[in-house]
Amino acid sequence: MLLAAVAATAIMAAPLVRAADCIPIRVGYMDQNRPPYWLGDGDKVPDPPGAAVDLIHDAVLGAGFGCTPVWVRLPAARIKVALAAGDIDLAPLGEMSFYPAEIAIPRDKAGNIDLNRALHNQVLVLVRARDKLPPSTNPMQYFKDKTLGIPMGNSYAPRLREAGLRLDDGARDLDRNIEKLRLGRVDGVVVAAVTPKHLKQTLAKYKGEIVQLPQALLNIRLWLAFNDSFYHAHPQQAEALWTWLDTNRGRLGYVMQRYQKD
C-alpha cells in the first residue's frame, strides 16, 4: 500500500514538474507575407516561417520560457487589440505615442521606456532606376510632394504622415507596391530592412529596374511587447527576453542568412 501511494504521488507530481519547466506562451504576428521577416499569408505558419519568427523563437527559448511558442497569425490591425485583451501573450509592436496599460514594454530603472532593449530597423525607399535619382537624394525631402507606396497596416505609417509625406497604403504587400511603382502609380516604395544589403535578394528579381536609395527614410524601433497580466505572472522570463534582445542585437542579421539565396 505504501509503495502504491508513493507511486501515485510521483505520477501526480510529474506533470507539475514538467509544467514548471515550460511556460506556455502565445506569440502573435502579422498574417501577411513580408519576406524575409514574415513568410506566408493567412493563419498557417509556413516552414520556414521567416527571419523575424526565428528570432522571436530564439529569444523565447533564450529567456527561459522552456517551450516552443504557440504562433498566432493575425491581421496587422488586430495584433495590438489581441495583446491588450490577453488573447495572445507576446507580439511585435512598432513605436507608438501611447501604450495601453494592458501592454508591457521594457522600462529602465527610472520607469522610462528602455530604448536599448528593442529591435532596431531602418525604413528605406525603393525607386525606379530610370528616374536616375542621385545617391545623395534625401528621401524625406524629395518625397514631400510625391506619393510613397507602403504595405497596409504598417506601424510606422502614422510617423511618415506626421512628417508630411503622402502615402498610398492600399496594397497588401511589397510585391504589389513594387508593381505600382513599375506602373508609375506611386513614386517610391517604403520597405523596412535591418540593413540595405538585406534587400539585395528582393531586388535581384527586378534585374536592375528597381533600386534602393542609400539614405534611410526613417530609423525605427520594434518592441517585443507582453500582455501586462502575462508579464506580471512571469516577470523574470519577460525581463530576460528583453535583455536577450539587447545582448543579441546582431542576431537578426545572422538569422537572415538562412533566407539568403545564391
C-alpha atoms as a PDB file:
ATOM      1  CA  MET A   1       0.000   0.000   0.000  1.00  0.00           C
ATOM      2  CA  LEU A   2       2.812   2.374   0.902  1.00  0.00           C
ATOM      3  CA  LEU A   3       4.597   1.713  -2.395  1.00  0.00           C
ATOM      4  CA  ALA A   4       1.353   2.234  -4.298  1.00  0.00           C
ATOM      5  CA  ALA A   5       0.766   5.548  -2.535  1.00  0.00           C
ATOM      6  CA  VAL A   6       4.303   6.715  -3.278  1.00  0.00           C
ATOM      7  CA  ALA A   7       3.914   5.707  -6.927  1.00  0.00           C
ATOM      8  CA  ALA A   8       0.597   7.527  -7.207  1.00  0.00           C
ATOM      9  CA  THR A   9       2.110  10.637  -5.659  1.00  0.00           C
ATOM     10  CA  ALA A  10       5.019  10.505  -8.123  1.00  0.00           C
ATOM     11  CA  ILE A  11       2.662  10.134 -11.076  1.00  0.00           C
ATOM     12  CA  MET A  12       0.608  13.138  -9.943  1.00  0.00           C
ATOM     13  CA  ALA A  13       3.698  15.214  -9.255  1.00  0.00           C
ATOM     14  CA  ALA A  14       5.479  14.511 -12.563  1.00  0.00           C
ATOM     15  CA  PRO A  15       3.251  16.720 -14.735  1.00  0.00           C
ATOM     16  CA  LEU A  16       3.697  19.554 -12.237  1.00  0.00           C
ATOM     17  CA  VAL A  17       7.460  19.352 -12.603  1.00  0.00           C
ATOM     18  CA  ARG A  18       7.216  19.402 -16.384  1.00  0.00           C
ATOM     19  CA  ALA A  19       4.756  22.305 -16.273  1.00  0.00           C
ATOM     20  CA  ALA A  20       7.172  24.302 -14.118  1.00  0.00           C
ATOM     21  CA  ASP A  21       9.890  23.766 -16.763  1.00  0.00           C
ATOM     22  CA  CYS A  22       7.683  25.039 -19.577  1.00  0.00           C
ATOM     23  CA  ILE A  23       5.743  28.299 -19.559  1.00  0.00           C
ATOM     24  CA  PRO A  24       3.274  28.250 -22.471  1.00  0.00           C
ATOM     25  CA  ILE A  25       3.416  31.460 -24.488  1.00  0.00           C
ATOM     26  CA  ARG A  26       1.241  32.551 -27.407  1.00  0.00           C
ATOM     27  CA  VAL A  27       3.057  34.828 -29.833  1.00  0.00           C
ATOM     28  CA  GLY A  28       1.038  36.880 -32.293  1.00  0.00           C
ATOM     29  CA  TYR A  29       2.376  38.284 -35.547  1.00  0.00           C
ATOM     30  CA  MET A  30       1.030  39.527 -38.868  1.00  0.00           C
ATOM     31  CA  ASP A  31      -0.651  37.181 -41.340  1.00  0.00           C
ATOM     32  CA  GLN A  32       0.936  38.862 -44.368  1.00  0.00           C
ATOM     33  CA  ASN A  33       3.895  37.809 -46.482  1.00  0.00           C
ATOM     34  CA  ARG A  34       6.739  40.256 -45.764  1.00  0.00           C
ATOM     35  CA  PRO A  35       9.900  38.380 -46.801  1.00  0.00           C
ATOM     36  CA  PRO A  36      12.377  37.660 -45.416  1.00  0.00           C
ATOM     37  CA  TYR A  37      10.975  38.645 -41.996  1.00  0.00           C
ATOM     38  CA  TRP A  38       7.467  37.133 -42.083  1.00  0.00           C
ATOM     39  CA  LEU A  39       6.657  34.471 -44.685  1.00  0.00           C
ATOM     40  CA  GLY A  40       3.315  33.211 -45.929  1.00  0.00           C
ATOM     41  CA  ASP A  41      -0.238  34.557 -45.968  1.00  0.00           C
ATOM     42  CA  GLY A  42      -3.166  33.583 -43.766  1.00  0.00           C
ATOM     43  CA  ASP A  43      -3.269  31.785 -40.435  1.00  0.00           C
ATOM     44  CA  LYS A  44      -0.984  28.851 -41.341  1.00  0.00           C
ATOM     45  CA  VAL A  45       2.667  29.066 -40.235  1.00  0.00           C
ATOM     46  CA  PRO A  46       4.927  28.033 -43.142  1.00  0.00           C
ATOM     47  CA  ASP A  47       8.241  26.213 -42.911  1.00  0.00           C
ATOM     48  CA  PRO A  48      10.470  28.157 -42.817  1.00  0.00           C
ATOM     49  CA  PRO A  49       8.389  30.889 -41.145  1.00  0.00           C
ATOM     50  CA  GLY A  50      10.650  33.914 -41.692  1.00  0.00           C
ATOM     51  CA  ALA A  51      13.689  35.505 -40.087  1.00  0.00           C
ATOM     52  CA  ALA A  52      11.765  37.568 -37.515  1.00  0.00           C
ATOM     53  CA  VAL A  53       9.786  34.489 -36.401  1.00  0.00           C
ATOM     54  CA  ASP A  54      13.040  32.584 -35.984  1.00  0.00           C
ATOM     55  CA  LEU A  55      14.452  35.452 -33.921  1.00  0.00           C
ATOM     56  CA  ILE A  56      11.440  35.539 -31.588  1.00  0.00           C
ATOM     57  CA  HIS A  57      11.660  31.754 -31.210  1.00  0.00           C
ATOM     58  CA  ASP A  58      15.328  32.073 -30.186  1.00  0.00           C
ATOM     59  CA  ALA A  59      14.526  34.927 -27.781  1.00  0.00           C
ATOM     60  CA  VAL A  60      11.719  32.979 -26.064  1.00  0.00           C
ATOM     61  CA  LEU A  61      13.932  29.936 -25.527  1.00  0.00           C
ATOM     62  CA  GLY A  62      16.928  32.089 -24.556  1.00  0.00           C
ATOM     63  CA  ALA A  63      14.826  33.851 -21.925  1.00  0.00           C
ATOM     64  CA  GLY A  64      13.966  30.606 -20.158  1.00  0.00           C
ATOM     65  CA  PHE A  65      10.301  30.079 -21.055  1.00  0.00           C
ATOM     66  CA  GLY A  66      11.293  26.495 -21.713  1.00  0.00           C
ATOM     67  CA  CYS A  67       8.935  25.557 -24.517  1.00  0.00           C
ATOM     68  CA  THR A  68       8.345  26.453 -28.136  1.00  0.00           C
ATOM     69  CA  PRO A  69       5.957  29.379 -28.677  1.00  0.00           C
ATOM     70  CA  VAL A  70       2.455  28.842 -29.975  1.00  0.00           C
ATOM     71  CA  TRP A  71       2.251  31.030 -33.100  1.00  0.00           C
ATOM     72  CA  VAL A  72      -0.923  33.032 -33.738  1.00  0.00           C
ATOM     73  CA  ARG A  73      -1.121  34.834 -37.081  1.00  0.00           C
ATOM     74  CA  LEU A  74      -3.430  37.857 -37.115  1.00  0.00           C
ATOM     75  CA  PRO A  75      -4.283  40.817 -39.348  1.00  0.00           C
ATOM     76  CA  ALA A  76      -1.858  43.637 -38.537  1.00  0.00           C
ATOM     77  CA  ALA A  77      -4.616  45.876 -37.187  1.00  0.00           C
ATOM     78  CA  ARG A  78      -5.712  43.158 -34.733  1.00  0.00           C
ATOM     79  CA  ILE A  79      -2.384  42.485 -33.052  1.00  0.00           C
ATOM     80  CA  LYS A  80      -2.376  45.347 -30.526  1.00  0.00           C
ATOM     81  CA  VAL A  81      -6.020  44.727 -29.619  1.00  0.00           C
ATOM     82  CA  ALA A  82      -5.436  40.992 -29.133  1.00  0.00           C
ATOM     83  CA  LEU A  83      -2.362  41.644 -26.992  1.00  0.00           C
ATOM     84  CA  ALA A  84      -4.165  44.122 -24.730  1.00  0.00           C
ATOM     85  CA  ALA A  85      -7.098  41.714 -24.379  1.00  0.00           C
ATOM     86  CA  GLY A  86      -4.855  38.792 -23.426  1.00  0.00           C
ATOM     87  CA  ASP A  87      -5.767  36.714 -26.477  1.00  0.00           C
ATOM     88  CA  ILE A  88      -2.004  36.497 -27.090  1.00  0.00           C
ATOM     89  CA  ASP A  89       0.880  36.893 -24.644  1.00  0.00           C
ATOM     90  CA  LEU A  90       3.639  38.437 -26.761  1.00  0.00           C
ATOM     91  CA  ALA A  91       3.759  40.342 -30.045  1.00  0.00           C
ATOM     92  CA  PRO A  92       5.997  42.709 -32.001  1.00  0.00           C
ATOM     93  CA  LEU A  93       4.752  46.311 -31.795  1.00  0.00           C
ATOM     94  CA  GLY A  94       6.040  49.406 -33.544  1.00  0.00           C
ATOM     95  CA  GLU A  95       6.715  52.709 -31.792  1.00  0.00           C
ATOM     96  CA  MET A  96       3.571  54.458 -30.605  1.00  0.00           C
ATOM     97  CA  SER A  97       2.939  57.756 -28.852  1.00  0.00           C
ATOM     98  CA  PHE A  98       0.831  55.934 -26.260  1.00  0.00           C
ATOM     99  CA  TYR A  99       0.893  52.350 -24.975  1.00  0.00           C
ATOM    100  CA  PRO A 100      -2.239  50.951 -23.290  1.00  0.00           C
ATOM    101  CA  ALA A 101      -1.865  49.962 -19.644  1.00  0.00           C
ATOM    102  CA  GLU A 102      -2.652  46.367 -20.655  1.00  0.00           C
ATOM    103  CA  ILE A 103       0.596  46.179 -22.660  1.00  0.00           C
ATOM    104  CA  ALA A 104       4.062  45.909 -21.078  1.00  0.00           C
ATOM    105  CA  ILE A 105       7.227  47.086 -22.844  1.00  0.00           C
ATOM    106  CA  PRO A 106      10.755  47.264 -21.390  1.00  0.00           C
ATOM    107  CA  ARG A 107      11.439  50.036 -18.874  1.00  0.00           C
ATOM    108  CA  ASP A 108      14.636  51.291 -17.292  1.00  0.00           C
ATOM    109  CA  LYS A 109      15.144  51.797 -13.543  1.00  0.00           C
ATOM    110  CA  ALA A 110      13.566  55.265 -13.755  1.00  0.00           C
ATOM    111  CA  GLY A 111      10.435  53.842 -15.374  1.00  0.00           C
ATOM    112  CA  ASN A 112      11.160  55.267 -18.818  1.00  0.00           C
ATOM    113  CA  ILE A 113      10.963  53.186 -21.996  1.00  0.00           C
ATOM    114  CA  ASP A 114      14.265  51.338 -22.386  1.00  0.00           C
ATOM    115  CA  LEU A 115      15.376  52.158 -25.920  1.00  0.00           C
ATOM    116  CA  ASN A 116      18.213  49.635 -25.854  1.00  0.00           C
ATOM    117  CA  ARG A 117      16.039  46.582 -25.371  1.00  0.00           C
ATOM    118  CA  ALA A 118      14.275  46.846 -28.720  1.00  0.00           C
ATOM    119  CA  LEU A 119      14.742  45.684 -32.297  1.00  0.00           C
ATOM    120  CA  HIS A 120      16.276  48.452 -34.379  1.00  0.00           C
ATOM    121  CA  ASN A 121      15.401  48.812 -38.023  1.00  0.00           C
ATOM    122  CA  GLN A 122      15.539  51.189 -40.973  1.00  0.00           C
ATOM    123  CA  VAL A 123      12.827  52.301 -43.366  1.00  0.00           C
ATOM    124  CA  LEU A 124      14.303  52.546 -46.854  1.00  0.00           C
ATOM    125  CA  VAL A 125      12.889  53.708 -50.182  1.00  0.00           C
ATOM    126  CA  LEU A 126      12.820  51.819 -53.478  1.00  0.00           C
ATOM    127  CA  VAL A 127      12.655  53.792 -56.723  1.00  0.00           C
ATOM    128  CA  ARG A 128      12.764  53.196 -60.475  1.00  0.00           C
ATOM    129  CA  ALA A 129      16.284  53.075 -61.900  1.00  0.00           C
ATOM    130  CA  ARG A 130      15.126  55.025 -64.945  1.00  0.00           C
ATOM    131  CA  ASP A 131      14.350  58.037 -62.727  1.00  0.00           C
ATOM    132  CA  LYS A 132      18.116  58.360 -62.172  1.00  0.00           C
ATOM    133  CA  LEU A 133      17.904  59.765 -58.642  1.00  0.00           C
ATOM    134  CA  PRO A 134      21.389  60.630 -57.337  1.00  0.00           C
ATOM    135  CA  PRO A 135      22.745  58.544 -54.420  1.00  0.00           C
ATOM    136  CA  SER A 136      22.787  61.711 -52.290  1.00  0.00           C
ATOM    137  CA  THR A 137      18.980  62.076 -52.513  1.00  0.00           C
ATOM    138  CA  ASN A 138      17.404  62.845 -49.134  1.00  0.00           C
ATOM    139  CA  PRO A 139      14.194  60.781 -49.301  1.00  0.00           C
ATOM    140  CA  MET A 140      12.392  62.739 -46.579  1.00  0.00           C
ATOM    141  CA  GLN A 141      12.798  65.948 -48.592  1.00  0.00           C
ATOM    142  CA  TYR A 142      12.475  64.511 -52.103  1.00  0.00           C
ATOM    143  CA  PHE A 143       9.141  62.771 -51.480  1.00  0.00           C
ATOM    144  CA  LYS A 144       7.385  65.691 -49.749  1.00  0.00           C
ATOM    145  CA  ASP A 145       5.278  66.396 -52.857  1.00  0.00           C
ATOM    146  CA  LYS A 146       5.171  62.840 -54.192  1.00  0.00           C
ATOM    147  CA  THR A 147       3.425  59.586 -53.292  1.00  0.00           C
ATOM    148  CA  LEU A 148       5.030  56.659 -51.500  1.00  0.00           C
ATOM    149  CA  GLY A 149       3.585  53.168 -51.575  1.00  0.00           C
ATOM    150  CA  ILE A 150       3.539  51.318 -48.266  1.00  0.00           C
ATOM    151  CA  PRO A 151       2.007  47.934 -47.355  1.00  0.00           C
ATOM    152  CA  MET A 152      -1.225  48.289 -45.405  1.00  0.00           C
ATOM    153  CA  GLY A 153      -1.086  48.021 -41.627  1.00  0.00           C
ATOM    154  CA  ASN A 154       2.469  49.270 -41.133  1.00  0.00           C
ATOM    155  CA  SER A 155       3.002  50.685 -37.645  1.00  0.00           C
ATOM    156  CA  TYR A 156       5.304  53.468 -38.815  1.00  0.00           C
ATOM    157  CA  ALA A 157       2.832  54.885 -41.377  1.00  0.00           C
ATOM    158  CA  PRO A 158       1.472  57.494 -38.890  1.00  0.00           C
ATOM    159  CA  ARG A 159       5.004  58.807 -38.295  1.00  0.00           C
ATOM    160  CA  LEU A 160       5.549  59.243 -42.020  1.00  0.00           C
ATOM    161  CA  ARG A 161       2.237  61.073 -42.400  1.00  0.00           C
ATOM    162  CA  GLU A 162       3.092  63.309 -39.453  1.00  0.00           C
ATOM    163  CA  ALA A 163       6.330  64.147 -41.287  1.00  0.00           C
ATOM    164  CA  GLY A 164       4.235  65.456 -44.189  1.00  0.00           C
ATOM    165  CA  LEU A 165       4.567  62.528 -46.588  1.00  0.00           C
ATOM    166  CA  ARG A 166       1.709  61.341 -48.793  1.00  0.00           C
ATOM    167  CA  LEU A 167       1.211  57.585 -48.559  1.00  0.00           C
ATOM    168  CA  ASP A 168      -0.679  55.056 -50.632  1.00  0.00           C
ATOM    169  CA  ASP A 169      -1.325  52.105 -48.308  1.00  0.00           C
ATOM    170  CA  GLY A 170      -3.865  50.252 -50.399  1.00  0.00           C
ATOM    171  CA  ALA A 171      -1.583  47.360 -51.376  1.00  0.00           C
ATOM    172  CA  ARG A 172      -1.229  44.327 -49.122  1.00  0.00           C
ATOM    173  CA  ASP A 173       2.478  43.570 -49.592  1.00  0.00           C
ATOM    174  CA  LEU A 174       5.800  44.719 -51.007  1.00  0.00           C
ATOM    175  CA  ASP A 175       5.446  42.931 -54.353  1.00  0.00           C
ATOM    176  CA  ARG A 176       2.146  44.674 -55.085  1.00  0.00           C
ATOM    177  CA  ASN A 177       3.659  48.029 -54.148  1.00  0.00           C
ATOM    178  CA  ILE A 178       6.639  47.460 -56.420  1.00  0.00           C
ATOM    179  CA  GLU A 179       4.217  46.683 -59.251  1.00  0.00           C
ATOM    180  CA  LYS A 180       2.541  50.051 -58.580  1.00  0.00           C
ATOM    181  CA  LEU A 181       5.976  51.657 -58.766  1.00  0.00           C
ATOM    182  CA  ARG A 182       6.737  49.980 -62.090  1.00  0.00           C
ATOM    183  CA  LEU A 183       3.408  51.198 -63.484  1.00  0.00           C
ATOM    184  CA  GLY A 184       4.030  54.766 -62.285  1.00  0.00           C
ATOM    185  CA  ARG A 185       1.133  54.830 -59.822  1.00  0.00           C
ATOM    186  CA  VAL A 186       3.497  55.716 -56.945  1.00  0.00           C
ATOM    187  CA  ASP A 187       6.862  57.479 -56.986  1.00  0.00           C
ATOM    188  CA  GLY A 188       8.611  55.248 -54.466  1.00  0.00           C
ATOM    189  CA  VAL A 189       8.015  52.298 -52.151  1.00  0.00           C
ATOM    190  CA  VAL A 190       8.954  52.142 -48.480  1.00  0.00           C
ATOM    191  CA  VAL A 191      10.327  48.944 -47.006  1.00  0.00           C
ATOM    192  CA  ALA A 192      11.840  48.047 -43.634  1.00  0.00           C
ATOM    193  CA  ALA A 193      15.241  46.364 -43.550  1.00  0.00           C
ATOM    194  CA  VAL A 194      17.842  45.663 -40.898  1.00  0.00           C
ATOM    195  CA  THR A 195      20.496  46.925 -43.325  1.00  0.00           C
ATOM    196  CA  PRO A 196      20.321  47.898 -47.021  1.00  0.00           C
ATOM    197  CA  LYS A 197      22.179  44.725 -48.049  1.00  0.00           C
ATOM    198  CA  HIS A 198      19.255  42.625 -46.852  1.00  0.00           C
ATOM    199  CA  LEU A 199      17.216  43.990 -49.789  1.00  0.00           C
ATOM    200  CA  LYS A 200      19.676  42.580 -52.296  1.00  0.00           C
ATOM    201  CA  GLN A 201      17.815  39.306 -52.780  1.00  0.00           C
ATOM    202  CA  THR A 202      14.434  41.045 -53.076  1.00  0.00           C
ATOM    203  CA  LEU A 203      15.700  43.446 -55.728  1.00  0.00           C
ATOM    204  CA  ALA A 204      17.600  40.828 -57.729  1.00  0.00           C
ATOM    205  CA  LYS A 205      14.448  39.565 -59.442  1.00  0.00           C
ATOM    206  CA  TYR A 206      13.802  43.014 -60.940  1.00  0.00           C
ATOM    207  CA  LYS A 207      17.134  42.872 -62.803  1.00  0.00           C
ATOM    208  CA  GLY A 208      18.166  46.459 -62.071  1.00  0.00           C
ATOM    209  CA  GLU A 209      14.781  48.035 -62.841  1.00  0.00           C
ATOM    210  CA  ILE A 210      14.130  48.810 -59.150  1.00  0.00           C
ATOM    211  CA  VAL A 211      16.871  50.178 -56.895  1.00  0.00           C
ATOM    212  CA  GLN A 212      17.187  51.321 -53.290  1.00  0.00           C
ATOM    213  CA  LEU A 213      18.161  54.813 -52.205  1.00  0.00           C
ATOM    214  CA  PRO A 214      21.243  54.671 -49.931  1.00  0.00           C
ATOM    215  CA  GLN A 215      19.930  57.124 -47.340  1.00  0.00           C
ATOM    216  CA  ALA A 216      17.323  55.788 -44.890  1.00  0.00           C
ATOM    217  CA  LEU A 217      13.953  57.480 -44.724  1.00  0.00           C
ATOM    218  CA  LEU A 218      13.478  56.695 -41.046  1.00  0.00           C
ATOM    219  CA  ASN A 219      15.088  54.788 -38.193  1.00  0.00           C
ATOM    220  CA  ILE A 220      12.537  52.805 -36.229  1.00  0.00           C
ATOM    221  CA  ARG A 221      12.291  50.522 -33.215  1.00  0.00           C
ATOM    222  CA  LEU A 222      10.171  47.446 -32.799  1.00  0.00           C
ATOM    223  CA  TRP A 223       9.232  46.221 -29.339  1.00  0.00           C
ATOM    224  CA  LEU A 224       8.518  42.669 -28.308  1.00  0.00           C
ATOM    225  CA  ALA A 225       5.651  43.597 -26.012  1.00  0.00           C
ATOM    226  CA  PHE A 226       3.875  41.425 -23.453  1.00  0.00           C
ATOM    227  CA  ASN A 227       0.324  41.400 -22.263  1.00  0.00           C
ATOM    228  CA  ASP A 228       0.629  43.145 -18.893  1.00  0.00           C
ATOM    229  CA  SER A 229      -1.021  40.350 -16.886  1.00  0.00           C
ATOM    230  CA  PHE A 230       1.252  37.767 -18.516  1.00  0.00           C
ATOM    231  CA  TYR A 231       4.261  39.975 -17.765  1.00  0.00           C
ATOM    232  CA  HIS A 232       3.382  40.192 -14.073  1.00  0.00           C
ATOM    233  CA  ALA A 233       2.857  36.431 -13.923  1.00  0.00           C
ATOM    234  CA  HIS A 234       6.325  35.808 -15.411  1.00  0.00           C
ATOM    235  CA  PRO A 235       8.453  38.944 -14.831  1.00  0.00           C
ATOM    236  CA  GLN A 236      11.778  37.122 -14.637  1.00  0.00           C
ATOM    237  CA  GLN A 237      11.402  35.496 -18.043  1.00  0.00           C
ATOM    238  CA  ALA A 238       9.918  38.624 -19.638  1.00  0.00           C
ATOM    239  CA  GLU A 239      12.797  40.815 -18.457  1.00  0.00           C
ATOM    240  CA  ALA A 240      15.256  38.140 -19.562  1.00  0.00           C
ATOM    241  CA  LEU A 241      13.742  38.184 -23.062  1.00  0.00           C
ATOM    242  CA  TRP A 242      14.204  41.951 -23.389  1.00  0.00           C
ATOM    243  CA  THR A 243      17.763  41.692 -22.095  1.00  0.00           C
ATOM    244  CA  TRP A 244      18.431  38.841 -24.543  1.00  0.00           C
ATOM    245  CA  LEU A 245      17.428  41.147 -27.401  1.00  0.00           C
ATOM    246  CA  ASP A 246      19.858  43.812 -26.197  1.00  0.00           C
ATOM    247  CA  THR A 247      22.676  41.296 -25.774  1.00  0.00           C
ATOM    248  CA  ASN A 248      21.998  39.689 -29.153  1.00  0.00           C
ATOM    249  CA  ARG A 249      21.252  42.830 -31.143  1.00  0.00           C
ATOM    250  CA  GLY A 250      23.066  41.466 -34.206  1.00  0.00           C
ATOM    251  CA  ARG A 251      21.156  38.204 -34.129  1.00  0.00           C
ATOM    252  CA  LEU A 252      18.517  39.107 -36.732  1.00  0.00           C
ATOM    253  CA  GLY A 253      21.172  39.769 -39.353  1.00  0.00           C
ATOM    254  CA  TYR A 254      22.703  36.380 -38.583  1.00  0.00           C
ATOM    255  CA  VAL A 255      19.357  34.583 -38.686  1.00  0.00           C
ATOM    256  CA  MET A 256      18.562  36.181 -42.047  1.00  0.00           C
ATOM    257  CA  GLN A 257      21.469  34.312 -43.609  1.00  0.00           C
ATOM    258  CA  ARG A 258      19.235  31.240 -43.540  1.00  0.00           C
ATOM    259  CA  TYR A 259      16.983  33.015 -46.047  1.00  0.00           C
ATOM    260  CA  GLN A 260      19.672  34.234 -48.434  1.00  0.00           C
ATOM    261  CA  LYS A 261      19.789  32.507 -51.788  1.00  0.00           C
ATOM    262  CA  ASP A 262      22.775  32.367 -54.097  1.00  0.00           C
END
